[in-house]
Amino acid sequence: MREVVRAGEEVVRGAPVAAGEHMVAHAPISGRVERADANGIVLRRDEIGGRDAFPACPTPTAAMLPAFAREMGWAGMGGSLFPASIKLRAAKRIHTLVINAVECEPGIQIDEALLLHDRETVRAGCDMIVDTLGIEKTVLAVKRSSAAGVAAFATVGNLEVLRMPHRYPAGAEKLIVARLEGQMPPAGRLPMERGYLVFSVASLWALGRRVRTGEPSIVRPLTVRTPQGARNLFVPVGTAVGHVLKAAGVKVNPEHDVIVAGGLMMGKRVDETSPVLKGTNAIFAFPAGARLSHQEQPCILCGSCFDVCPLKLHPIGMANRIRQERRSGALTAQLEECFLCGACSAVCPSDIPLVQVFHRGKAWLRKTI
């Protein structure tokens, strides 16, 4: 993605500031461009604020939908940041829209909050996708414990409710499709290749905002959680994490506290200057626990990582091959299947950072292809 603005330029909220093959980025606030280069774009809010640059939003045809998604800057808000234009371009003969409301990571509740308090915007996004692609069935996937709370959303439109287990990582696309089909989909096959189009609630909410107001994807709904409790906020994309915590009344001591963007399983440790991304579904701030200071120990061959893997991969074997840079067809296939849920790292008694190794491994494989 390359910047399309220059330092010193005045921009209004919603104006394009960068563009790439699959997605356009827009100014989340009105202000002056302080920096625009390969390292990022920094905007300084002006004193007036409130000005918008939302173009008219004509309803696209099925063929135009990928371009529509690119121009609005639509990316997966379930945490993946996967450009929706790519997903829609690969979507062929879609028979089922799956609304993924299975927030299986502990402490995250933003999707459920959107279904409860801004359901009409979410519904507008759903209706647009269903009508444009001629989808026959819509499924709302939720945790069993949340089904009763979101019943009002499911009732209107006669949606099918899929109750998923209240355990991590039940919200993974592949596991939802496996529950719908009664068996695990073949390795290497994406849900949209089997007729399922899966979007998180927040992703459909962003599309609904575009449909209803013309606003591109410049706002991130998220949960802020601390030991004192939780709040759900609407945050301009790109806002520094420290500003969000301050607005939520949270004080952080950098020497003793940890900030995690995303869930406690799949999220990443950040600092107060880190920006909120479209995939940032939560910000956690909490005192550093003892386990964070533990040193990695040798593997004791207990097999816990294999037992807990929802796809029955071989985590420690994968990690060893990655660290030794021993590429093989089996390693490539397993890494492509792995969706970095972090369950293996969480149960490892030797504190081996398996999911971090897999992140590096995926990057290494891309470079060597």
Foldseek 3Di string as FASTA:
>chain_A
DAFPDAAFDWDAAQDFGGADPQATDTHNWTAGWHHGDPVDTDGDHDPPIPDYDQDDDDQDALVCVLVSQRDLGFAAQQQPRHRVSVVSVLFDQAAEEEAQAAPLFPPWCQLLVCLQPVVVLLVQLVVSVCVRVVHNAYEYEYAPVCCVVNVVSCVVPVHHYHHFHNHPPCRDPQNVVCVVVVHGDDFPDDPSNVNYHYGYSQSSSQSSCCVPPSHGPFWAWAWEDEPVGIDIDIHGWFDFQLVVCVVVVHDADVVFKWKWFAGPQQTDTDDRRDTHHSRRRYIYIYGDDPLVPDDADDAPPPCPLQVQDPVSQRQVVLLVCLVVVPDDPSSVSVLSRDPLRNPSCVPGPRNDSRSVSSVVSVVVVVVVD
